[in-house]
Protein backbone atom coordinates (compact mmCIF):
# COMPACT_ATOMS: atom_id res chain seq x y z
CA MET A 1 -28.76 62.81 34.47
CA THR A 2 -28.20 59.23 33.92
CA ALA A 3 -26.25 57.99 30.96
CA LYS A 4 -28.24 55.23 28.79
CA ARG A 5 -26.13 52.07 28.65
CA THR A 6 -26.68 49.65 25.70
CA GLU A 7 -25.15 46.34 25.61
CA ARG A 8 -24.91 44.63 22.23
CA GLY A 9 -24.04 40.91 21.37
CA ALA A 10 -22.96 39.35 18.17
CA THR A 11 -26.03 38.44 16.05
CA VAL A 12 -26.70 34.90 14.46
CA VAL A 13 -25.85 36.37 11.13
CA GLU A 14 -22.65 37.81 12.16
CA MET A 15 -21.52 34.50 14.14
CA THR A 16 -22.26 32.64 10.70
CA ILE A 17 -20.15 35.09 8.68
CA VAL A 18 -17.27 34.51 11.02
CA ALA A 19 -17.86 30.63 11.10
CA VAL A 20 -17.95 30.54 7.18
CA LEU A 21 -14.71 32.77 6.97
CA LEU A 22 -12.86 30.46 9.49
CA LEU A 23 -13.96 27.42 7.51
CA VAL A 24 -12.75 29.00 4.06
CA LEU A 25 -9.41 29.78 5.69
CA VAL A 26 -9.22 26.39 7.14
CA GLY A 27 -10.02 25.01 3.75
CA ALA A 28 -7.61 27.09 1.86
CA PHE A 29 -4.35 26.51 4.31
CA GLY A 30 -5.19 23.50 6.32
CA VAL A 31 -6.55 20.69 3.77
CA PRO A 32 -3.74 21.18 1.46
CA GLY A 33 -1.02 21.04 4.18
CA TYR A 34 -2.51 17.84 5.59
CA LYS A 35 -2.78 16.26 2.28
CA SER A 36 0.99 17.22 1.64
CA TYR A 37 1.85 15.66 5.00
CA ALA A 38 -0.25 12.74 4.26
CA ALA A 39 1.47 12.05 1.05
CA SER A 40 5.16 12.36 2.38
CA ARG A 41 4.29 9.79 5.34
CA ALA A 42 2.49 7.15 3.01
CA SER A 43 5.32 4.84 2.75
CA ALA A 44 6.20 5.08 6.45
CA ASP A 45 2.64 4.53 7.42
CA ALA A 46 2.23 1.42 4.92
CA ALA A 47 5.43 0.18 6.29
CA SER A 48 4.06 0.28 9.88
CA VAL A 49 0.79 -1.47 8.69
CA LEU A 50 2.80 -4.18 6.90
CA ALA A 51 4.92 -4.90 9.89
CA SER A 52 1.99 -5.21 12.14
CA ASP A 53 0.48 -7.43 9.61
CA LEU A 54 3.52 -9.67 9.25
CA ALA A 55 3.65 -9.98 13.41
CA PHE A 56 0.09 -10.82 13.20
CA LEU A 57 0.73 -13.71 10.50
CA VAL A 58 3.42 -15.20 12.76
CA ARG A 59 0.94 -15.32 15.64
CA ALA A 60 -1.88 -16.59 13.45
CA ALA A 61 0.53 -19.36 12.37
CA GLN A 62 1.47 -20.25 15.53
CA ASN A 63 -2.02 -20.71 16.80
CA SER A 64 -3.43 -22.36 13.74
CA PRO A 65 -4.70 -25.99 14.13
CA GLY A 66 -1.88 -28.60 12.98
CA ASP A 67 0.30 -27.39 10.22
CA GLU A 68 -2.08 -24.97 8.72
CA GLY A 69 0.38 -21.96 9.17
CA ALA A 70 -0.54 -18.71 7.31
CA THR A 71 0.45 -16.98 4.05
CA LEU A 72 0.97 -13.46 2.91
CA VAL A 73 0.02 -13.14 -0.97
CA ILE A 74 1.07 -10.01 -2.74
CA GLU A 75 -1.74 -9.19 -5.11
CA SER A 76 0.01 -6.03 -6.84
CA MET A 77 3.07 -4.22 -6.23
CA ALA A 78 2.09 -0.67 -7.63
CA PRO A 79 -0.02 0.11 -5.57
CA LEU A 80 0.79 -2.21 -3.00
CA HIS A 81 -1.97 -4.61 -2.31
CA TYR A 82 -1.81 -7.74 -0.44
CA ARG A 83 -3.93 -10.44 1.44
CA GLY A 84 -3.05 -12.48 4.59
CA TYR A 85 -4.69 -15.96 5.07
CA VAL A 86 -4.66 -18.89 7.29
CA GLY A 87 -3.37 -21.78 5.41
CA ARG A 88 -1.20 -22.60 2.45
CA PRO A 89 -1.67 -22.20 -1.25
CA LYS A 90 -2.47 -25.47 -2.98
CA GLN A 91 0.23 -24.99 -5.59
CA LEU A 92 2.88 -25.21 -2.91
CA ASP A 93 1.02 -27.96 -0.69
CA PRO A 94 -1.50 -30.02 -2.58
CA SER A 95 -2.90 -31.24 1.07
CA ALA A 96 -3.51 -27.50 1.97
CA LYS A 97 -5.62 -24.63 0.91
CA LEU A 98 -6.01 -20.84 1.63
CA GLU A 99 -8.59 -20.75 4.38
CA THR A 100 -10.05 -17.62 6.40
CA LEU A 101 -8.98 -14.39 4.91
CA LEU A 102 -7.62 -12.27 7.85
CA PHE A 103 -6.88 -8.94 5.99
CA ASP A 104 -6.86 -7.31 2.60
CA ARG A 105 -4.93 -3.88 2.48
CA THR A 106 -4.32 -1.65 -0.58
CA PHE A 107 -2.01 1.34 -0.10
CA SER A 108 -2.70 3.58 -3.07
CA GLY A 109 0.40 5.79 -3.87
CA VAL A 110 2.97 3.29 -2.35
CA THR A 111 4.91 0.90 -4.40
CA LEU A 112 6.53 -2.40 -3.23
CA GLY A 113 10.27 -2.43 -4.49
CA GLU A 114 11.71 -5.48 -6.36
CA GLY A 115 12.63 -8.22 -3.84
CA SER A 116 12.42 -11.74 -3.03
CA ILE A 117 8.72 -11.47 -2.15
CA ASP A 118 6.51 -10.40 -5.25
CA THR A 119 3.26 -11.34 -6.70
CA SER A 120 4.53 -14.89 -7.91
CA THR A 121 6.05 -15.52 -4.45
CA PRO A 122 3.89 -16.07 -1.44
CA LEU A 123 5.38 -15.78 2.07
CA LEU A 124 4.55 -18.92 4.11
CA PHE A 125 4.36 -18.87 8.13
CA ALA A 126 4.97 -21.91 10.12
CA ASN A 127 3.61 -22.93 13.35
CA ASN A 128 6.94 -22.60 14.86
CA GLY A 129 7.18 -18.91 14.32
CA SER A 130 9.41 -19.15 11.20
CA ALA A 131 8.73 -18.24 7.64
CA GLN A 132 9.94 -19.16 4.27
CA TYR A 133 9.00 -18.80 0.46
CA GLU A 134 9.82 -20.57 -2.68
CA SER A 135 11.13 -18.84 -5.85
CA ALA A 136 12.06 -20.43 -9.03
CA GLY A 137 11.45 -23.91 -7.66
CA ALA A 138 13.99 -23.26 -4.82
CA VAL A 139 12.95 -22.67 -1.00
CA SER A 140 14.51 -19.79 0.77
CA ALA A 141 17.18 -20.33 3.29
CA GLN A 142 15.73 -20.18 6.90
CA HIS A 143 18.51 -18.03 8.28
CA ALA A 144 17.90 -15.25 5.82
CA THR A 145 16.17 -11.90 6.10
CA VAL A 146 13.33 -10.54 3.61
CA GLN A 147 13.36 -6.93 3.17
CA PHE A 148 10.24 -5.03 1.54
CA LEU A 149 11.21 -1.68 0.44
CA LEU A 150 8.11 0.77 0.20
CA SER A 151 8.19 4.07 -1.70
CA ALA A 152 5.92 6.86 -2.62
CA PRO A 153 6.17 9.65 -4.93
CA ALA A 154 6.23 12.30 -2.19
CA GLY A 155 8.38 11.20 0.75
CA LYS A 156 11.35 9.05 1.60
CA PRO A 157 11.26 5.20 1.11
CA ALA A 158 10.78 2.81 4.22
CA THR A 159 11.74 -0.74 4.82
CA VAL A 160 10.32 -3.67 6.78
CA GLU A 161 12.50 -6.65 7.64
CA LEU A 162 11.32 -10.09 8.52
CA ASP A 163 13.68 -12.51 10.00
CA LEU A 164 12.83 -15.87 8.33
CA PHE A 165 14.08 -17.95 11.19
CA THR A 166 12.81 -16.14 14.27
CA GLY A 167 9.77 -14.40 12.73
CA ALA A 168 11.10 -11.11 13.98
CA VAL A 169 9.87 -8.01 12.24
CA GLN A 170 11.37 -4.72 12.07
CA THR A 171 10.71 -1.08 10.34
CA GLY A 172 13.32 1.36 9.24
CA ASP A 173 12.45 4.95 7.65
C-alpha cells in the first residue's frame, strides 16, 4: 500500500493577508520611529546643507566674472528659509544686482538663532574667497567668524561657522 502524498503551497489569498499584516506592522512601528528620528536630526541635517551651500557660494564668488561675487539672503529665521545668488544686492552696491538664483532652501521645523546674520543682513562673498556683511551701517571685520545656530524642537542644536577671511566652513553638533 502506498501512502498518498499531498503538497500544499500558499494561496494568493494567504500571501496577500501576510503582506497586509506586514504592512500594518511597519506602519504601526516603523513610520512613527522614522518620524521621531527625522525630527531629532532636523537641525543637524539643516546645518549640513547650510555648510555645503556656504562653501558653494564661496566657489561661485571665486568663479564669477569680474567683481560680481555671491550673496546669501536669509528670508525667514523661523522656519529657516534662505536663498543664494550670484551678484550683490543693489542696496549695498548701486552698480550691482542679484543675478542668478543658485538655490532656495526652506527647513520646516528648524529655527536660525539670533546672530550677526539675519533677515536684514545679507552675507556677501568676494571673488578672493572672503566674506563680509554690513550691519547698522558698519562693515564686519574680515578676521572674524560668523556662527549660525540652528535648532529644532526635537533634537539638539547644531552650528555652522564661516571664517570671513578664508571662507572656510565648519559644522558642529
